[in-house]
């Protein structure tokens, strides 16, 4: 390889290799989190509902709806939901999160 080309293209190649490794790592993390979420299963009861308004510089104010479940094992889980699902659940409602699904179902 011509030394002039190595000086020009060497840093570019190194940049793209590092950038590619970062992208692959990020996608691997997302895949791992999705697989973990789909493989989990639990039964629980709604113990709290939270509504937060977050001020974002890019998109303005955003509503965030969270349903807090207490599982039969005593663990507390925060599940983010859209407004209609959040309004559908009441404190005391029971739900089941089955293996292979991402969201709990009301029972």
Protein backbone atom coordinates (compact mmCIF):
# COMPACT_ATOMS: atom_id res chain seq x y z
CA UNK A 1 0.00 0.00 0.00
CA UNK A 2 1.21 3.45 -0.87
CA UNK A 3 2.27 5.36 2.31
CA UNK A 4 0.21 8.40 1.29
CA UNK A 5 -2.93 6.25 1.04
CA UNK A 6 -2.19 4.66 4.42
CA UNK A 7 -1.97 8.11 6.03
CA UNK A 8 -5.30 9.15 4.51
CA UNK A 9 -7.31 5.93 4.75
CA UNK A 10 -5.78 4.43 7.92
CA UNK A 11 -7.62 6.72 10.38
CA UNK A 12 -10.85 6.38 8.39
CA UNK A 13 -10.68 2.59 8.53
CA UNK A 14 -9.91 2.66 12.26
CA UNK A 15 -12.86 5.02 12.85
CA UNK A 16 -15.31 2.76 10.98
CA UNK A 17 -14.07 -0.36 12.78
CA UNK A 18 -14.55 1.29 16.19
CA UNK A 19 -17.92 2.74 15.14
CA UNK A 20 -19.02 -0.68 13.88
CA UNK A 21 -18.04 -2.32 17.18
CA UNK A 22 -20.05 0.27 19.11
CA UNK A 23 -23.13 -0.32 16.90
CA UNK A 24 -22.83 -4.12 17.22
CA UNK A 25 -22.48 -3.79 21.01
CA UNK A 26 -25.54 -1.54 21.26
CA UNK A 27 -27.67 -3.85 19.12
CA UNK A 28 -26.50 -6.83 21.19
CA UNK A 29 -27.56 -5.05 24.40
CA UNK A 30 -31.01 -4.23 22.97
CA UNK A 31 -31.46 -7.84 21.84
CA UNK A 32 -30.39 -9.15 25.25
CA UNK A 33 -32.89 -6.88 27.04
CA UNK A 34 -35.74 -7.90 24.71
CA UNK A 35 -34.96 -11.60 25.15
CA UNK A 36 -34.81 -11.17 28.93
CA UNK A 37 -38.17 -9.37 28.92
CA UNK A 38 -39.82 -12.01 26.74
CA UNK A 39 -38.46 -14.88 28.85
CA UNK A 40 -39.73 -13.47 32.14
CA UNK A 41 -43.05 -14.49 33.64
CA UNK A 42 -44.83 -13.34 36.76
CA UNK A 43 -48.18 -12.78 38.43
CA UNK A 44 -48.92 -9.66 40.38
CA UNK A 45 -51.23 -6.94 41.57
CA UNK A 46 -51.28 -3.21 40.82
CA UNK A 47 -50.16 -1.35 43.93
CA UNK A 48 -49.60 2.10 42.45
CA UNK A 49 -50.05 4.17 39.30
CA UNK A 50 -47.71 7.04 38.46
CA UNK A 51 -48.10 9.87 35.95
CA UNK A 52 -45.12 12.11 35.28
CA UNK A 53 -44.76 15.06 32.95
CA UNK A 54 -41.26 15.35 31.55
CA UNK A 55 -40.07 18.60 29.93
CA UNK A 56 -37.98 17.68 26.87
CA UNK A 57 -36.18 20.44 24.97
CA UNK A 58 -36.73 18.76 21.60
CA UNK A 59 -40.31 17.56 21.91
CA UNK A 60 -41.74 19.75 24.64
CA UNK A 61 -43.70 18.22 27.51
CA UNK A 62 -44.24 14.47 27.45
CA UNK A 63 -46.51 12.35 29.62
CA UNK A 64 -45.05 9.18 31.12
CA UNK A 65 -47.43 6.57 32.54
CA UNK A 66 -46.10 3.89 34.91
CA UNK A 67 -47.97 1.00 36.53
CA UNK A 68 -46.31 -0.49 39.62
CA UNK A 69 -46.96 -4.20 40.18
CA UNK A 70 -46.12 -6.29 43.21
CA UNK A 71 -45.49 -9.88 42.19
CA UNK A 72 -46.59 -12.90 44.19
CA UNK A 73 -42.89 -13.25 45.15
CA UNK A 74 -42.97 -9.73 46.68
CA UNK A 75 -40.92 -8.01 43.99
CA UNK A 76 -41.99 -4.54 42.75
CA UNK A 77 -42.00 -3.98 38.98
CA UNK A 78 -42.43 -0.66 37.18
CA UNK A 79 -44.10 -1.13 33.79
CA UNK A 80 -44.33 1.84 31.43
CA UNK A 81 -47.61 1.97 29.51
CA UNK A 82 -49.52 4.21 27.17
CA UNK A 83 -52.34 6.38 28.51
CA UNK A 84 -55.22 4.05 27.57
CA UNK A 85 -53.61 1.00 29.22
CA UNK A 86 -52.72 3.11 32.29
CA UNK A 87 -56.35 4.29 32.60
CA UNK A 88 -57.63 0.72 32.17
CA UNK A 89 -55.73 -0.56 35.23
CA UNK A 90 -56.90 0.25 38.75
CA UNK A 91 -55.06 -0.29 42.04
CA UNK A 92 -55.82 -3.83 43.14
CA UNK A 93 -56.19 -5.27 39.61
CA UNK A 94 -54.40 -8.56 38.99
CA UNK A 95 -52.18 -9.21 35.97
CA UNK A 96 -50.15 -12.07 34.50
CA UNK A 97 -47.01 -11.67 32.39
CA UNK A 98 -46.54 -14.88 30.39
CA UNK A 99 -43.27 -16.13 28.92
CA UNK A 100 -42.98 -15.07 25.28
CA UNK A 101 -44.95 -11.84 25.67
CA UNK A 102 -43.64 -8.34 26.34
CA UNK A 103 -46.60 -6.98 28.32
CA UNK A 104 -48.70 -8.29 31.21
CA UNK A 105 -52.36 -9.12 30.65
CA UNK A 106 -55.11 -8.05 33.01
CA UNK A 107 -56.96 -10.97 34.64
